[in-house]
């Protein structure tokens, strides 16, 4: 399939720059996976789309405040450092700006010496390896000095850092938020539970590669970035019980979907408790084994995420829904509105 097959026209003014005050007040487009029909709602109406016996699977990853501004010891120049991946106790793979000013041996200080880093290597993609020195607990220092690494299409300052975290975020390690989950509040989740829907969690740490554009014309030649996931025995049991009783598995976000389908495809269609790294690439032609429906946001043109939801709901259905969303001035991307991909009817329903 060609990259152009997943393109659509998006006016820049529809890219949401700030979150709405009330998380549940975002708009919700419901796309019927079977018929392609769409309808318009508010996110709090998601309760009406869920049924007793369903299970809702959410990603409880928490975003690292991974963007740091350091001072180069030699010159006093300001250098931006984005933490990508921890490779050993105090060594991290990073992206830096401006990279040309950072060579092996360069020393940066942060927070007037609270944190210090020495460049130990240059990477093929232009990144840098840094060894950090500090006293105390690294994560606590990071919480004090770092800021959220917002996506490149968001230009407004985020006043409340917690608005780029889900209300159920717990496991620190993501470079970006699982944004479909930003619409939920504790009150809404409780209302969903009261309806007889099981709410369960998994963890997938979103990598910065999620923002890497597809650069090949034939999408099958695209190499997906690796992301770490973990699914517990408790969540695996809830999913298996739901499936055995004829209930529907609803994934919140492409990250939850990626995790569930990775596990199902590695285990002959079965959901089991496991941890690992996934490089799964989901595009039309892919057979979904675990996920029946999905809560998701509106994604970038020609992105792997548009390809993933096209594999679930059909490319023409998705592009038609996106066209309608543009016409109706939905808000797009991380702080934007949401879509619910309604599952196909099960036999006997």
Protein backbone atom coordinates (compact mmCIF):
# COMPACT_ATOMS: atom_id res chain seq x y z
CA UNK A 1 0.00 0.00 0.00
CA UNK A 2 1.12 3.54 -0.71
CA UNK A 3 1.75 6.27 1.85
CA UNK A 4 -0.52 8.64 -0.09
CA UNK A 5 -3.42 6.27 0.58
CA UNK A 6 -3.49 7.55 4.17
CA UNK A 7 -3.30 11.29 3.51
CA UNK A 8 -6.04 13.83 4.18
CA UNK A 9 -6.40 17.62 4.17
CA UNK A 10 -6.22 19.23 7.62
CA UNK A 11 -6.41 23.00 8.19
CA UNK A 12 -3.76 23.98 10.74
CA UNK A 13 -6.29 25.85 12.88
CA UNK A 14 -7.95 22.52 13.77
CA UNK A 15 -4.84 21.27 15.60
CA UNK A 16 -5.73 21.62 19.30
CA UNK A 17 -3.10 23.60 21.20
CA UNK A 18 -4.49 23.40 24.75
CA UNK A 19 -6.65 20.86 26.60
CA UNK A 20 -10.27 21.67 27.40
CA UNK A 21 -10.99 22.59 31.01
CA UNK A 22 -13.30 19.59 31.47
CA UNK A 23 -11.67 16.39 30.17
CA UNK A 24 -15.03 14.77 29.36
CA UNK A 25 -16.41 17.71 27.35
CA UNK A 26 -14.44 16.86 24.20
CA UNK A 27 -16.51 15.87 21.23
CA UNK A 28 -16.85 12.20 20.38
CA UNK A 29 -17.38 10.86 16.89
CA UNK A 30 -18.72 7.31 16.80
CA UNK A 31 -17.63 5.36 13.73
CA UNK A 32 -19.47 2.09 13.13
CA UNK A 33 -16.83 -0.48 12.17
CA UNK A 34 -19.38 -2.50 10.22
CA UNK A 35 -21.34 0.11 8.27
CA UNK A 36 -18.97 3.10 8.20
CA UNK A 37 -21.73 5.37 9.54
CA UNK A 38 -20.74 8.20 11.88
CA UNK A 39 -22.61 10.06 14.61
CA UNK A 40 -21.69 13.02 16.81
CA UNK A 41 -21.64 13.09 20.63
CA UNK A 42 -19.69 14.36 23.63
CA UNK A 43 -17.06 12.20 25.27
CA UNK A 44 -19.09 11.59 28.43
CA UNK A 45 -21.56 9.75 26.14
CA UNK A 46 -19.00 6.95 25.77
CA UNK A 47 -20.92 5.27 28.63
CA UNK A 48 -23.83 4.71 26.23
CA UNK A 49 -21.56 2.88 23.78
CA UNK A 50 -20.28 0.40 26.37
CA UNK A 51 -22.24 -2.67 27.38
CA UNK A 52 -22.43 -4.77 30.52
CA UNK A 53 -19.88 -7.55 30.15
CA UNK A 54 -17.39 -5.47 28.12
CA UNK A 55 -13.90 -4.77 29.36
CA UNK A 56 -12.16 -1.43 28.89
CA UNK A 57 -8.36 -1.64 28.69
CA UNK A 58 -6.31 1.48 29.54
CA UNK A 59 -2.58 2.20 29.40
CA UNK A 60 -1.36 3.37 32.82
CA UNK A 61 2.02 4.68 31.63
CA UNK A 62 3.12 8.06 33.01
CA UNK A 63 5.04 10.61 30.94
CA UNK A 64 8.55 11.43 32.09
CA UNK A 65 9.20 15.19 32.44
CA UNK A 66 12.01 14.38 30.04
CA UNK A 67 12.85 17.79 28.54
CA UNK A 68 15.75 19.48 30.34
CA UNK A 69 17.51 22.78 29.68
CA UNK A 70 21.20 22.58 30.54
CA UNK A 71 24.12 25.00 30.56
CA UNK A 72 27.35 24.07 28.78
CA UNK A 73 30.13 24.41 31.35
CA UNK A 74 32.72 25.71 28.87
CA UNK A 75 30.67 28.48 27.28
CA UNK A 76 27.45 28.99 29.25
CA UNK A 77 25.40 28.14 26.14
CA UNK A 78 21.93 26.73 26.73
CA UNK A 79 21.36 23.18 25.44
CA UNK A 80 18.03 21.37 25.31
CA UNK A 81 18.18 17.67 26.22
CA UNK A 82 15.32 15.21 25.65
CA UNK A 83 15.69 11.88 27.46
CA UNK A 84 14.72 8.96 25.22
CA UNK A 85 15.85 5.71 26.80
CA UNK A 86 17.81 4.63 29.85
CA UNK A 87 20.56 2.22 28.79
CA UNK A 88 22.25 1.65 32.16
CA UNK A 89 21.94 2.96 35.72
CA UNK A 90 22.72 6.61 34.98
CA UNK A 91 23.29 6.62 31.23
CA UNK A 92 20.63 7.78 28.79
CA UNK A 93 20.12 7.98 25.05
CA UNK A 94 18.98 11.56 24.27
CA UNK A 95 18.17 14.07 21.59
CA UNK A 96 19.89 17.46 21.95
CA UNK A 97 19.44 20.92 20.42
CA UNK A 98 21.66 22.34 19.03
CA UNK A 99 23.44 19.00 18.53
CA UNK A 100 26.48 20.54 16.81
CA UNK A 101 27.50 22.16 20.11
CA UNK A 102 27.63 18.85 21.97
CA UNK A 103 30.65 16.59 21.45
CA UNK A 104 31.96 13.62 23.42
CA UNK A 105 33.27 15.04 26.69
CA UNK A 106 30.89 18.04 26.77
CA UNK A 107 29.63 18.67 30.31
CA UNK A 108 26.19 20.17 30.99
CA UNK A 109 24.77 21.33 34.33
CA UNK A 110 21.08 21.61 35.21
CA UNK A 111 19.38 23.44 38.06
CA UNK A 112 22.52 25.26 39.20
CA UNK A 113 24.41 22.01 39.64
CA UNK A 114 21.62 19.83 41.03
CA UNK A 115 22.20 17.58 38.04
CA UNK A 116 25.27 17.18 35.83
CA UNK A 117 25.72 15.24 32.59
CA UNK A 118 28.74 14.28 30.49
CA UNK A 119 28.37 13.34 26.80
CA UNK A 120 29.78 9.82 26.36
CA UNK A 121 28.87 9.12 22.74
CA UNK A 122 27.37 10.36 19.46
CA UNK A 123 24.59 8.28 17.86
CA UNK A 124 23.83 7.55 14.22
CA UNK A 125 20.46 9.39 14.29
CA UNK A 126 22.13 12.55 15.65
CA UNK A 127 21.38 11.85 19.29
CA UNK A 128 23.84 11.79 22.17
CA UNK A 129 24.60 9.46 25.08
CA UNK A 130 24.88 11.16 28.48
CA UNK A 131 26.13 9.92 31.84
CA UNK A 132 24.34 11.73 34.69
CA UNK A 133 25.71 12.64 38.12
CA UNK A 134 23.52 13.70 41.06
CA UNK A 135 22.78 13.19 44.72
CA UNK A 136 19.47 11.67 45.77
CA UNK A 137 16.81 10.05 43.56
CA UNK A 138 17.03 10.74 39.82
CA UNK A 139 13.28 10.70 39.17
CA UNK A 140 12.64 13.21 41.95
CA UNK A 141 15.28 15.53 40.48
CA UNK A 142 13.71 15.09 37.05
CA UNK A 143 10.25 15.97 38.43
CA UNK A 144 11.79 19.18 39.82
CA UNK A 145 13.85 20.27 36.79
CA UNK A 146 12.17 18.70 33.76
CA UNK A 147 9.12 19.64 31.69
CA UNK A 148 6.76 17.61 29.52
CA UNK A 149 8.06 16.77 26.03
CA UNK A 150 4.95 17.99 24.18
CA UNK A 151 4.50 16.90 20.55
CA UNK A 152 6.13 19.16 17.92
CA UNK A 153 2.75 20.39 16.60
CA UNK A 154 1.82 21.95 20.00
CA UNK A 155 3.20 25.48 20.24
CA UNK A 156 1.32 26.80 23.29
CA UNK A 157 2.79 26.50 26.78
CA UNK A 158 1.07 23.91 28.98
CA UNK A 159 0.16 25.66 32.23
CA UNK A 160 -0.76 22.51 34.16
CA UNK A 161 1.70 19.66 33.48
CA UNK A 162 -0.83 17.09 34.78
CA UNK A 163 -3.10 17.80 31.80
CA UNK A 164 -0.61 15.83 29.67
CA UNK A 165 -1.08 12.85 32.01
CA UNK A 166 -4.07 10.54 32.27
CA UNK A 167 -5.84 10.57 35.66
CA UNK A 168 -4.82 6.91 36.10
CA UNK A 169 -1.15 7.30 35.06
CA UNK A 170 1.13 5.31 37.36
CA UNK A 171 4.11 3.66 35.67
CA UNK A 172 6.72 6.32 34.84
CA UNK A 173 8.52 5.83 31.53
CA UNK A 174 6.79 7.38 28.50
CA UNK A 175 8.12 10.02 26.13
CA UNK A 176 4.52 10.92 25.19
CA UNK A 177 1.06 10.52 26.67
CA UNK A 178 -1.41 7.83 25.57
CA UNK A 179 -3.70 10.66 24.50
CA UNK A 180 -6.98 8.76 24.05
CA UNK A 181 -6.97 8.33 27.82
CA UNK A 182 -6.77 12.08 28.50
CA UNK A 183 -10.57 12.31 28.11
CA UNK A 184 -11.36 10.14 31.15
CA UNK A 185 -11.96 11.32 34.71
CA UNK A 186 -12.19 9.14 37.82
CA UNK A 187 -15.94 9.94 37.95
CA UNK A 188 -16.48 8.78 34.37
CA UNK A 189 -14.53 5.57 34.97
CA UNK A 190 -16.66 4.87 38.06
CA UNK A 191 -19.83 5.42 36.01
CA UNK A 192 -18.50 2.92 33.46
CA UNK A 193 -17.81 0.37 36.21
CA UNK A 194 -21.30 0.86 37.61
CA UNK A 195 -22.68 -0.19 34.22
CA UNK A 196 -21.03 -3.60 34.60
CA UNK A 197 -17.96 -2.90 32.45
CA UNK A 198 -14.62 -4.22 33.73
CA UNK A 199 -11.87 -1.57 33.74
CA UNK A 200 -8.34 -2.98 33.56
CA UNK A 201 -4.83 -1.68 32.90
CA UNK A 202 -1.70 -2.53 30.99
CA UNK A 203 1.52 -0.57 30.47
CA UNK A 204 3.16 0.47 27.24
CA UNK A 205 5.85 3.16 27.42
CA UNK A 206 5.41 5.37 24.37
CA UNK A 207 8.69 6.08 22.58
CA UNK A 208 9.62 9.31 20.83
CA UNK A 209 9.56 7.26 17.62
CA UNK A 210 5.77 7.63 17.69
CA UNK A 211 6.33 11.10 16.18
CA UNK A 212 8.73 9.84 13.50
CA UNK A 213 7.07 10.29 10.10
CA UNK A 214 6.81 7.45 7.61
CA UNK A 215 9.42 8.24 4.96
CA UNK A 216 8.94 5.36 2.50
CA UNK A 217 6.39 5.42 -0.29
CA UNK A 218 5.56 1.71 0.09
CA UNK A 219 4.37 1.49 3.70
CA UNK A 220 5.31 -2.18 4.01
CA UNK A 221 8.98 -1.09 3.94
CA UNK A 222 8.55 1.08 7.06
CA UNK A 223 10.44 -0.03 10.20
CA UNK A 224 8.46 0.49 13.40
CA UNK A 225 10.14 1.76 16.56
CA UNK A 226 10.30 -0.57 19.58
CA UNK A 227 8.29 0.10 22.74
CA UNK A 228 8.28 -1.74 26.07
CA UNK A 229 5.02 -3.26 27.36
CA UNK A 230 3.80 -5.16 30.40
CA UNK A 231 0.51 -6.98 30.98
CA UNK A 232 -0.36 -8.48 34.37
CA UNK A 233 -2.01 -11.79 35.25
CA UNK A 234 -5.00 -9.84 36.59
CA UNK A 235 -5.62 -7.99 33.32
CA UNK A 236 -5.02 -11.14 31.25
CA UNK A 237 -7.65 -12.97 33.35
CA UNK A 238 -10.19 -10.16 32.92
CA UNK A 239 -9.73 -10.17 29.14
CA UNK A 240 -9.97 -13.97 28.87
CA UNK A 241 -13.09 -14.02 31.04
CA UNK A 242 -14.67 -11.26 28.94
CA UNK A 243 -13.96 -13.15 25.72
CA UNK A 244 -15.23 -16.45 27.14
CA UNK A 245 -18.51 -14.79 28.14
CA UNK A 246 -19.03 -13.18 24.73
CA UNK A 247 -18.13 -9.68 25.90
CA UNK A 248 -16.21 -7.11 23.88
CA UNK A 249 -12.63 -5.96 24.43
CA UNK A 250 -12.44 -2.18 24.04
CA UNK A 251 -8.92 -0.74 23.87
CA UNK A 252 -8.37 2.86 24.94
CA UNK A 253 -5.83 4.19 22.48
CA UNK A 254 -3.48 2.83 19.86
CA UNK A 255 -0.94 1.98 22.60
CA UNK A 256 -3.31 -0.41 24.38
CA UNK A 257 -4.25 -1.84 21.00
CA UNK A 258 -0.61 -2.33 20.05
CA UNK A 259 0.08 -4.20 23.27
CA UNK A 260 -2.95 -6.50 23.09
CA UNK A 261 -2.41 -7.40 19.44
CA UNK A 262 1.31 -8.01 20.00
CA UNK A 263 0.53 -10.49 22.79
CA UNK A 264 -2.31 -12.18 20.88
CA UNK A 265 -0.21 -12.62 17.74
CA UNK A 266 2.71 -14.02 19.76
CA UNK A 267 0.50 -16.53 21.58
CA UNK A 268 -1.79 -18.06 18.94
CA UNK A 269 -4.59 -15.58 19.62
CA UNK A 270 -4.43 -15.95 23.40
CA UNK A 271 -3.94 -13.13 25.90
CA UNK A 272 -1.30 -14.02 28.49
CA UNK A 273 0.59 -12.06 31.12
CA UNK A 274 3.96 -11.03 29.73
CA UNK A 275 6.49 -8.23 29.30
CA UNK A 276 8.59 -7.42 26.27
CA UNK A 277 9.35 -5.09 23.40
CA UNK A 278 7.01 -4.68 20.46
CA UNK A 279 7.76 -3.54 16.91
CA UNK A 280 4.38 -4.63 15.54
CA UNK A 281 3.17 -2.60 12.54
CA UNK A 282 -0.61 -2.68 12.06
CA UNK A 283 -2.00 -1.60 8.68
CA UNK A 284 -4.88 -2.73 6.43
CA UNK A 285 -4.80 -6.47 5.88
CA UNK A 286 -3.85 -7.07 9.51
CA UNK A 287 -6.06 -9.55 11.39
CA UNK A 288 -7.21 -8.25 14.77
CA UNK A 289 -7.22 -11.11 17.28
CA UNK A 290 -7.87 -9.34 20.60
CA UNK A 291 -9.45 -5.92 20.11
CA UNK A 292 -13.12 -5.49 19.14
CA UNK A 293 -13.44 -1.71 19.46
CA UNK A 294 -11.24 1.28 20.18
CA UNK A 295 -11.33 4.71 21.76
CA UNK A 296 -8.84 6.91 19.94
CA UNK A 297 -8.01 10.49 19.00
CA UNK A 298 -7.70 11.97 15.51
CA UNK A 299 -4.22 11.28 14.16
CA UNK A 300 -1.71 12.91 11.81
CA UNK A 301 -2.06 12.44 8.05
CA UNK A 302 0.04 9.57 6.66
CA UNK A 303 0.88 8.34 10.17
CA UNK A 304 1.15 4.72 11.33
CA UNK A 305 -1.73 5.46 13.71
CA UNK A 306 -4.11 6.30 10.85
CA UNK A 307 -2.96 3.03 9.26
CA UNK A 308 -3.71 1.13 12.49
CA UNK A 309 -7.28 2.37 12.82
CA UNK A 310 -7.81 1.84 9.08
CA UNK A 311 -6.95 -1.82 9.66
CA UNK A 312 -9.74 -1.99 12.25
CA UNK A 313 -12.48 0.11 10.63
CA UNK A 314 -11.54 0.15 6.93
CA UNK A 315 -9.45 2.80 5.16
CA UNK A 316 -12.34 4.34 3.23
CA UNK A 317 -14.51 4.49 6.35
CA UNK A 318 -11.74 6.18 8.34
CA UNK A 319 -10.87 8.73 5.67
CA UNK A 320 -14.55 9.55 5.19
CA UNK A 321 -14.92 10.01 8.97
CA UNK A 322 -11.88 12.29 9.01
CA UNK A 323 -13.34 14.34 6.15
CA UNK A 324 -16.56 14.75 8.15
CA UNK A 325 -14.54 15.67 11.25
CA UNK A 326 -12.75 18.43 9.32
CA UNK A 327 -16.05 19.73 7.91
CA UNK A 328 -17.49 19.81 11.45
CA UNK A 329 -14.38 21.47 12.88
CA UNK A 330 -13.38 18.73 15.29
CA UNK A 331 -10.18 19.39 17.26
CA UNK A 332 -7.28 17.19 16.14
CA UNK A 333 -4.30 15.36 17.70
CA UNK A 334 -3.16 15.08 21.35
CA UNK A 335 -5.41 17.67 23.01
CA UNK A 336 -8.19 17.22 20.48
CA UNK A 337 -11.48 15.35 20.25
CA UNK A 338 -12.03 11.59 20.26
CA UNK A 339 -13.40 8.80 18.12
CA UNK A 340 -15.03 5.56 19.21
CA UNK A 341 -14.71 2.72 16.70
CA UNK A 342 -17.83 0.70 17.46
CA UNK A 343 -17.29 -3.09 17.34
CA UNK A 344 -18.98 -5.34 14.85
CA UNK A 345 -22.11 -7.04 16.13
CA UNK A 346 -21.42 -10.44 17.60
CA UNK A 347 -23.54 -13.38 16.46
CA UNK A 348 -26.65 -13.66 18.60
CA UNK A 349 -26.61 -9.92 19.52
